[in-house]
PDB file of N, CA and C in Angstrom:
ATOM      1  N   MET A   1     -67.331 -97.623 -43.147  1.00  0.00           N
ATOM      2  CA  MET A   1     -66.840 -97.813 -41.791  1.00  0.00           C
ATOM      3  C   MET A   1     -65.825 -98.953 -41.777  1.00  0.00           C
ATOM      4  N   GLY A   2     -64.581 -98.644 -41.475  1.00  0.00           N
ATOM      5  CA  GLY A   2     -63.561 -99.680 -41.466  1.00  0.00           C
ATOM      6  C   GLY A   2     -63.509-100.412 -40.140  1.00  0.00           C
ATOM      7  N   MET A   3     -62.926-101.595 -40.163  1.00  0.00           N
ATOM      8  CA  MET A   3     -62.746-102.367 -38.939  1.00  0.00           C
ATOM      9  C   MET A   3     -61.528-101.827 -38.209  1.00  0.00           C
ATOM     10  N   PRO A   4     -61.672-101.374 -36.948  1.00  0.00           N
ATOM     11  CA  PRO A   4     -60.487-100.889 -36.232  1.00  0.00           C
ATOM     12  C   PRO A   4     -59.534-102.052 -35.973  1.00  0.00           C
ATOM     13  N   LEU A   5     -58.275-101.834 -36.246  1.00  0.00           N
ATOM     14  CA  LEU A   5     -57.273-102.884 -36.079  1.00  0.00           C
ATOM     15  C   LEU A   5     -56.066-102.288 -35.384  1.00  0.00           C
ATOM     16  N   GLU A   6     -55.641-102.932 -34.323  1.00  0.00           N
ATOM     17  CA  GLU A   6     -54.518-102.435 -33.539  1.00  0.00           C
ATOM     18  C   GLU A   6     -53.378-103.440 -33.643  1.00  0.00           C
ATOM     19  N   LEU A   7     -52.168-102.951 -33.885  1.00  0.00           N
ATOM     20  CA  LEU A   7     -50.997-103.825 -33.932  1.00  0.00           C
ATOM     21  C   LEU A   7     -50.331-103.794 -32.563  1.00  0.00           C
ATOM     22  N   ASN A   8     -50.208-104.956 -31.940  1.00  0.00           N
ATOM     23  CA  ASN A   8     -49.623-105.055 -30.603  1.00  0.00           C
ATOM     24  C   ASN A   8     -48.263-105.729 -30.682  1.00  0.00           C
ATOM     25  N   THR A   9     -47.280-105.160 -30.003  1.00  0.00           N
ATOM     26  CA  THR A   9     -45.934-105.737 -30.022  1.00  0.00           C
ATOM     27  C   THR A   9     -45.535-106.260 -28.643  1.00  0.00           C
ATOM     28  N   MET A  10     -46.481-106.243 -27.707  1.00  0.00           N
ATOM     29  CA  MET A  10     -46.280-106.907 -26.420  1.00  0.00           C
ATOM     30  C   MET A  10     -47.629-107.461 -25.976  1.00  0.00           C
ATOM     31  N   ILE A  11     -47.599-108.396 -25.046  1.00  0.00           N
ATOM     32  CA  ILE A  11     -48.822-108.992 -24.518  1.00  0.00           C
ATOM     33  C   ILE A  11     -49.112-108.313 -23.182  1.00  0.00           C
ATOM     34  N   VAL A  12     -50.203-107.556 -23.131  1.00  0.00           N
ATOM     35  CA  VAL A  12     -50.589-106.863 -21.894  1.00  0.00           C
ATOM     36  C   VAL A  12     -51.793-107.601 -21.313  1.00  0.00           C
ATOM     37  N   THR A  13     -51.614-108.237 -20.162  1.00  0.00           N
ATOM     38  CA  THR A  13     -52.635-109.166 -19.651  1.00  0.00           C
ATOM     39  C   THR A  13     -53.712-108.508 -18.798  1.00  0.00           C
ATOM     40  N   LYS A  14     -53.366-107.420 -18.107  1.00  0.00           N
ATOM     41  CA  LYS A  14     -54.281-106.804 -17.122  1.00  0.00           C
ATOM     42  C   LYS A  14     -54.834-107.843 -16.151  1.00  0.00           C
ATOM     43  N   GLY A  15     -54.102-108.918 -15.937  1.00  0.00           N
ATOM     44  CA  GLY A  15     -54.509-109.958 -14.986  1.00  0.00           C
ATOM     45  C   GLY A  15     -55.643-110.838 -15.476  1.00  0.00           C
ATOM     46  N   LYS A  16     -55.966-110.785 -16.769  1.00  0.00           N
ATOM     47  CA  LYS A  16     -57.126-111.518 -17.294  1.00  0.00           C
ATOM     48  C   LYS A  16     -56.744-112.803 -18.016  1.00  0.00           C
ATOM     49  N   GLU A  17     -55.484-113.191 -17.934  1.00  0.00           N
ATOM     50  CA  GLU A  17     -55.064-114.405 -18.627  1.00  0.00           C
ATOM     51  C   GLU A  17     -55.609-115.643 -17.917  1.00  0.00           C
ATOM     52  N   ILE A  18     -55.884-116.671 -18.684  1.00  0.00           N
ATOM     53  CA  ILE A  18     -56.391-117.940 -18.152  1.00  0.00           C
ATOM     54  C   ILE A  18     -55.342-119.004 -18.452  1.00  0.00           C
ATOM     55  N   ARG A  19     -54.905-119.730 -17.404  1.00  0.00           N
ATOM     56  CA  ARG A  19     -53.900-120.783 -17.598  1.00  0.00           C
ATOM     57  C   ARG A  19     -54.583-122.027 -18.169  1.00  0.00           C
ATOM     58  N   LEU A  20     -54.101-122.488 -19.310  1.00  0.00           N
ATOM     59  CA  LEU A  20     -54.641-123.699 -19.937  1.00  0.00           C
ATOM     60  C   LEU A  20     -53.816-124.918 -19.543  1.00  0.00           C
ATOM     61  N   GLU A  21     -52.502-124.746 -19.574  1.00  0.00           N
ATOM     62  CA  GLU A  21     -51.560-125.783 -19.162  1.00  0.00           C
ATOM     63  C   GLU A  21     -50.462-125.077 -18.396  1.00  0.00           C
ATOM     64  N   GLU A  22     -49.411-125.803 -18.027  1.00  0.00           N
ATOM     65  CA  GLU A  22     -48.377-125.205 -17.186  1.00  0.00           C
ATOM     66  C   GLU A  22     -47.841-123.887 -17.742  1.00  0.00           C
ATOM     67  N   ASN A  23     -47.465-123.879 -19.019  1.00  0.00           N
ATOM     68  CA  ASN A  23     -46.894-122.662 -19.614  1.00  0.00           C
ATOM     69  C   ASN A  23     -47.763-122.060 -20.711  1.00  0.00           C
ATOM     70  N   LEU A  24     -48.992-122.523 -20.834  1.00  0.00           N
ATOM     71  CA  LEU A  24     -49.866-122.100 -21.925  1.00  0.00           C
ATOM     72  C   LEU A  24     -51.030-121.284 -21.365  1.00  0.00           C
ATOM     73  N   PHE A  25     -51.275-120.117 -21.967  1.00  0.00           N
ATOM     74  CA  PHE A  25     -52.291-119.206 -21.456  1.00  0.00           C
ATOM     75  C   PHE A  25     -53.213-118.735 -22.574  1.00  0.00           C
ATOM     76  N   LEU A  26     -54.434-118.393 -22.207  1.00  0.00           N
ATOM     77  CA  LEU A  26     -55.408-117.820 -23.128  1.00  0.00           C
ATOM     78  C   LEU A  26     -55.729-116.412 -22.636  1.00  0.00           C
ATOM     79  N   LEU A  27     -55.751-115.465 -23.555  1.00  0.00           N
ATOM     80  CA  LEU A  27     -56.088-114.082 -23.215  1.00  0.00           C
ATOM     81  C   LEU A  27     -57.056-113.543 -24.253  1.00  0.00           C
ATOM     82  N   GLU A  28     -58.159-112.952 -23.786  1.00  0.00           N
ATOM     83  CA  GLU A  28     -59.144-112.363 -24.691  1.00  0.00           C
ATOM     84  C   GLU A  28     -59.102-110.850 -24.536  1.00  0.00           C
ATOM     85  N   LYS A  29     -59.048-110.140 -25.660  1.00  0.00           N
ATOM     86  CA  LYS A  29     -58.982-108.676 -25.671  1.00  0.00           C
ATOM     87  C   LYS A  29     -60.148-108.139 -26.482  1.00  0.00           C
ATOM     88  N   GLU A  30     -60.629-106.941 -26.107  1.00  0.00           N
ATOM     89  CA  GLU A  30     -61.669-106.274 -26.885  1.00  0.00           C
ATOM     90  C   GLU A  30     -61.094-105.828 -28.237  1.00  0.00           C
ATOM     91  N   ASP A  31     -61.922-105.774 -29.251  1.00  0.00           N
ATOM     92  CA  ASP A  31     -61.562-105.310 -30.593  1.00  0.00           C
ATOM     93  C   ASP A  31     -60.649-106.313 -31.305  1.00  0.00           C
ATOM     94  N   TYR A  32     -60.330-105.971 -32.533  1.00  0.00           N
ATOM     95  CA  TYR A  32     -59.458-106.825 -33.338  1.00  0.00           C
ATOM     96  C   TYR A  32     -58.032-106.327 -33.205  1.00  0.00           C
ATOM     97  N   ARG A  33     -57.150-107.232 -32.814  1.00  0.00           N
ATOM     98  CA  ARG A  33     -55.745-106.880 -32.619  1.00  0.00           C
ATOM     99  C   ARG A  33     -54.878-107.861 -33.392  1.00  0.00           C
ATOM    100  N   LEU A  34     -53.792-107.342 -33.890  1.00  0.00           N
ATOM    101  CA  LEU A  34     -52.847-108.153 -34.640  1.00  0.00           C
ATOM    102  C   LEU A  34     -51.588-108.304 -33.799  1.00  0.00           C
ATOM    103  N   TYR A  35     -51.109-109.516 -33.676  1.00  0.00           N
ATOM    104  CA  TYR A  35     -49.879-109.797 -32.925  1.00  0.00           C
ATOM    105  C   TYR A  35     -48.933-110.575 -33.829  1.00  0.00           C
ATOM    106  N   PRO A  36     -47.630-110.339 -33.712  1.00  0.00           N
ATOM    107  CA  PRO A  36     -46.690-111.193 -34.439  1.00  0.00           C
ATOM    108  C   PRO A  36     -46.745-112.612 -33.876  1.00  0.00           C
ATOM    109  N   MET A  37     -46.741-113.595 -34.759  1.00  0.00           N
ATOM    110  CA  MET A  37     -46.847-114.990 -34.339  1.00  0.00           C
ATOM    111  C   MET A  37     -45.457-115.614 -34.208  1.00  0.00           C
ATOM    112  N   ASN A  38     -45.326-116.506 -33.234  1.00  0.00           N
ATOM    113  CA  ASN A  38     -44.137-117.355 -33.096  1.00  0.00           C
ATOM    114  C   ASN A  38     -42.816-116.606 -32.960  1.00  0.00           C
ATOM    115  N   ILE A  39     -42.856-115.365 -32.454  1.00  0.00           N
ATOM    116  CA  ILE A  39     -41.604-114.684 -32.114  1.00  0.00           C
ATOM    117  C   ILE A  39     -41.723-114.211 -30.660  1.00  0.00           C
ATOM    118  N   PRO A  40     -40.621-114.153 -29.943  1.00  0.00           N
ATOM    119  CA  PRO A  40     -40.693-113.795 -28.521  1.00  0.00           C
ATOM    120  C   PRO A  40     -41.210-112.368 -28.308  1.00  0.00           C
ATOM    121  N   LEU A  41     -42.213-112.236 -27.438  1.00  0.00           N
ATOM    122  CA  LEU A  41     -42.807-110.946 -27.090  1.00  0.00           C
ATOM    123  C   LEU A  41     -42.778-110.784 -25.575  1.00  0.00           C
ATOM    124  N   GLU A  42     -42.676-109.536 -25.112  1.00  0.00           N
ATOM    125  CA  GLU A  42     -42.740-109.269 -23.684  1.00  0.00           C
ATOM    126  C   GLU A  42     -44.164-109.464 -23.186  1.00  0.00           C
ATOM    127  N   VAL A  43     -44.283-110.015 -21.985  1.00  0.00           N
ATOM    128  CA  VAL A  43     -45.575-110.128 -21.306  1.00  0.00           C
ATOM    129  C   VAL A  43     -45.548-109.158 -20.134  1.00  0.00           C
ATOM    130  N   ARG A  44     -46.547-108.299 -20.050  1.00  0.00           N
ATOM    131  CA  ARG A  44     -46.661-107.342 -18.950  1.00  0.00           C
ATOM    132  C   ARG A  44     -48.086-107.320 -18.444  1.00  0.00           C
ATOM    133  N   ARG A  45     -48.248-106.994 -17.171  1.00  0.00           N
ATOM    134  CA  ARG A  45     -49.604-106.869 -16.601  1.00  0.00           C
ATOM    135  C   ARG A  45     -50.272-105.598 -17.118  1.00  0.00           C
ATOM    136  N   THR A  46     -49.524-104.498 -17.192  1.00  0.00           N
ATOM    137  CA  THR A  46     -49.996-103.260 -17.823  1.00  0.00           C
ATOM    138  C   THR A  46     -48.885-102.779 -18.735  1.00  0.00           C
ATOM    139  N   LYS A  47     -49.189-101.827 -19.616  1.00  0.00           N
ATOM    140  CA  LYS A  47     -48.178-101.305 -20.540  1.00  0.00           C
ATOM    141  C   LYS A  47     -46.978-100.729 -19.811  1.00  0.00           C
ATOM    142  N   GLU A  48     -47.229-100.105 -18.644  1.00  0.00           N
ATOM    143  CA  GLU A  48     -46.162 -99.427 -17.914  1.00  0.00           C
ATOM    144  C   GLU A  48     -45.424-100.356 -16.952  1.00  0.00           C
ATOM    145  N   ALA A  49     -45.967-101.527 -16.690  1.00  0.00           N
ATOM    146  CA  ALA A  49     -45.386-102.440 -15.697  1.00  0.00           C
ATOM    147  C   ALA A  49     -44.063-103.030 -16.189  1.00  0.00           C
ATOM    148  N   GLU A  50     -43.321-103.589 -15.246  1.00  0.00           N
ATOM    149  CA  GLU A  50     -42.115-104.342 -15.596  1.00  0.00           C
ATOM    150  C   GLU A  50     -42.535-105.563 -16.420  1.00  0.00           C
ATOM    151  N   THR A  51     -41.626-106.029 -17.258  1.00  0.00           N
ATOM    152  CA  THR A  51     -41.870-107.257 -18.017  1.00  0.00           C
ATOM    153  C   THR A  51     -41.919-108.434 -17.057  1.00  0.00           C
ATOM    154  N   SER A  52     -43.000-109.216 -17.115  1.00  0.00           N
ATOM    155  CA  SER A  52     -43.104-110.372 -16.215  1.00  0.00           C
ATOM    156  C   SER A  52     -42.564-111.638 -16.857  1.00  0.00           C
ATOM    157  N   GLY A  53     -42.407-111.619 -18.176  1.00  0.00           N
ATOM    158  CA  GLY A  53     -41.873-112.793 -18.861  1.00  0.00           C
ATOM    159  C   GLY A  53     -41.829-112.577 -20.362  1.00  0.00           C
ATOM    160  N   ILE A  54     -41.432-113.634 -21.059  1.00  0.00           N
ATOM    161  CA  ILE A  54     -41.358-113.625 -22.519  1.00  0.00           C
ATOM    162  C   ILE A  54     -42.212-114.798 -23.012  1.00  0.00           C
ATOM    163  N   ALA A  55     -43.009-114.537 -24.043  1.00  0.00           N
ATOM    164  CA  ALA A  55     -43.906-115.575 -24.564  1.00  0.00           C
ATOM    165  C   ALA A  55     -43.927-115.541 -26.088  1.00  0.00           C
ATOM    166  N   THR A  56     -44.361-116.647 -26.660  1.00  0.00           N
ATOM    167  CA  THR A  56     -44.623-116.688 -28.103  1.00  0.00           C
ATOM    168  C   THR A  56     -46.103-117.005 -28.293  1.00  0.00           C
ATOM    169  N   ILE A  57     -46.708-116.355 -29.268  1.00  0.00           N
ATOM    170  CA  ILE A  57     -48.125-116.578 -29.551  1.00  0.00           C
ATOM    171  C   ILE A  57     -48.258-117.765 -30.496  1.00  0.00           C
ATOM    172  N   GLU A  58     -49.075-118.733 -30.068  1.00  0.00           N
ATOM    173  CA  GLU A  58     -49.262-119.967 -30.833  1.00  0.00           C
ATOM    174  C   GLU A  58     -50.521-119.910 -31.688  1.00  0.00           C
ATOM    175  N   LYS A  59     -51.540-119.164 -31.186  1.00  0.00           N
ATOM    176  CA  LYS A  59     -52.816-119.114 -31.901  1.00  0.00           C
ATOM    177  C   LYS A  59     -53.433-117.735 -31.727  1.00  0.00           C
ATOM    178  N   LEU A  60     -54.053-117.234 -32.788  1.00  0.00           N
ATOM    179  CA  LEU A  60     -54.708-115.919 -32.789  1.00  0.00           C
ATOM    180  C   LEU A  60     -56.073-116.092 -33.450  1.00  0.00           C
ATOM    181  N   GLU A  61     -57.135-115.664 -32.756  1.00  0.00           N
ATOM    182  CA  GLU A  61     -58.487-115.807 -33.312  1.00  0.00           C
ATOM    183  C   GLU A  61     -59.246-114.489 -33.195  1.00  0.00           C
ATOM    184  N   TRP A  62     -59.963-114.153 -34.242  1.00  0.00           N
ATOM    185  CA  TRP A  62     -60.831-112.971 -34.239  1.00  0.00           C
ATOM    186  C   TRP A  62     -62.270-113.432 -34.333  1.00  0.00           C
ATOM    187  N   GLU A  63     -63.120-112.930 -33.418  1.00  0.00           N
ATOM    188  CA  GLU A  63     -64.536-113.278 -33.467  1.00  0.00           C
ATOM    189  C   GLU A  63     -65.316-112.281 -32.624  1.00  0.00           C
ATOM    190  N   ASN A  64     -66.470-111.842 -33.130  1.00  0.00           N
ATOM    191  CA  ASN A  64     -67.375-110.953 -32.378  1.00  0.00           C
ATOM    192  C   ASN A  64     -66.667-109.731 -31.785  1.00  0.00           C
ATOM    193  N   SER A  65     -65.846-109.077 -32.582  1.00  0.00           N
ATOM    194  CA  SER A  65     -65.105-107.878 -32.140  1.00  0.00           C
ATOM    195  C   SER A  65     -64.187-108.145 -30.945  1.00  0.00           C
ATOM    196  N   LYS A  66     -63.706-109.376 -30.837  1.00  0.00           N
ATOM    197  CA  LYS A  66     -62.736-109.719 -29.805  1.00  0.00           C
ATOM    198  C   LYS A  66     -61.571-110.463 -30.433  1.00  0.00           C
ATOM    199  N   THR A  67     -60.425-110.364 -29.794  1.00  0.00           N
ATOM    200  CA  THR A  67     -59.238-111.105 -30.209  1.00  0.00           C
ATOM    201  C   THR A  67     -58.873-112.069 -29.092  1.00  0.00           C
ATOM    202  N   SER A  68     -58.688-113.340 -29.431  1.00  0.00           N
ATOM    203  CA  SER A  68     -58.212-114.330 -28.461  1.00  0.00           C
ATOM    204  C   SER A  68     -56.829-114.781 -28.893  1.00  0.00           C
ATOM    205  N   ILE A  69     -55.892-114.750 -27.939  1.00  0.00           N
ATOM    206  CA  ILE A  69     -54.566-115.281 -28.242  1.00  0.00           C
ATOM    207  C   ILE A  69     -54.236-116.399 -27.250  1.00  0.00           C
ATOM    208  N   THR A  70     -53.593-117.415 -27.774  1.00  0.00           N
ATOM    209  CA  THR A  70     -53.055-118.483 -26.932  1.00  0.00           C
ATOM    210  C   THR A  70     -51.547-118.334 -27.002  1.00  0.00           C
ATOM    211  N   TYR A  71     -50.932-118.146 -25.840  1.00  0.00           N
ATOM    212  CA  TYR A  71     -49.482-117.928 -25.837  1.00  0.00           C
ATOM    213  C   TYR A  71     -48.782-118.844 -24.860  1.00  0.00           C
ATOM    214  N   LYS A  72     -47.512-119.147 -25.198  1.00  0.00           N
ATOM    215  CA  LYS A  72     -46.684-120.017 -24.378  1.00  0.00           C
ATOM    216  C   LYS A  72     -45.596-119.176 -23.718  1.00  0.00           C
ATOM    217  N   LEU A  73     -45.545-119.249 -22.402  1.00  0.00           N
ATOM    218  CA  LEU A  73     -44.503-118.550 -21.640  1.00  0.00           C
ATOM    219  C   LEU A  73     -43.199-119.310 -21.804  1.00  0.00           C
ATOM    220  N   ILE A  74     -42.177-118.646 -22.322  1.00  0.00           N
ATOM    221  CA  ILE A  74     -40.892-119.321 -22.543  1.00  0.00           C
ATOM    222  C   ILE A  74     -39.818-118.848 -21.568  1.00  0.00           C
ATOM    223  N   ALA A  75     -40.058-117.715 -20.878  1.00  0.00           N
ATOM    224  CA  ALA A  75     -39.117-117.227 -19.866  1.00  0.00           C
ATOM    225  C   ALA A  75     -39.909-116.410 -18.865  1.00  0.00           C
ATOM    226  N   LEU A  76     -39.571-116.581 -17.595  1.00  0.00           N
ATOM    227  CA  LEU A  76     -40.271-115.868 -16.528  1.00  0.00           C
ATOM    228  C   LEU A  76     -39.255-114.988 -15.809  1.00  0.00           C
ATOM    229  N   ASN A  77     -39.593-113.722 -15.608  1.00  0.00           N
ATOM    230  CA  ASN A  77     -38.721-112.830 -14.848  1.00  0.00           C
ATOM    231  C   ASN A  77     -39.036-112.989 -13.374  1.00  0.00           C
ATOM    232  N   SER A  78     -38.019-113.231 -12.570  1.00  0.00           N
ATOM    233  CA  SER A  78     -38.250-113.342 -11.127  1.00  0.00           C
ATOM    234  C   SER A  78     -38.499-111.948 -10.569  1.00  0.00           C
ATOM    235  N   THR A  79     -39.326-111.857  -9.556  1.00  0.00           N
ATOM    236  CA  THR A  79     -39.697-110.541  -9.018  1.00  0.00           C
ATOM    237  C   THR A  79     -39.123-110.333  -7.616  1.00  0.00           C
ATOM    238  N   ASN A  80     -37.811-110.624  -7.426  1.00  0.00           N
ATOM    239  CA  ASN A  80     -37.235-110.362  -6.105  1.00  0.00           C
ATOM    240  C   ASN A  80     -36.470-109.071  -6.095  1.00  0.00           C
TER     241      ASN A  80
END
């Protein structure tokens, strides 16, 4: 039985992100996911939603079949 691993090329929050500091957020996802580190990625609320901003992932942790990422928002899209 292999460990399921998903490669993600955007950060999909589903509104579950936790603000740690002004531009720093923590997001926990089910299962083990791999994200590119330290390169700009789109942040979206859902896969189909408009991009809400651009972030870089600073930390990635796998534990208990969950993935935690800490990401820094580097650009915010205005929603007017």
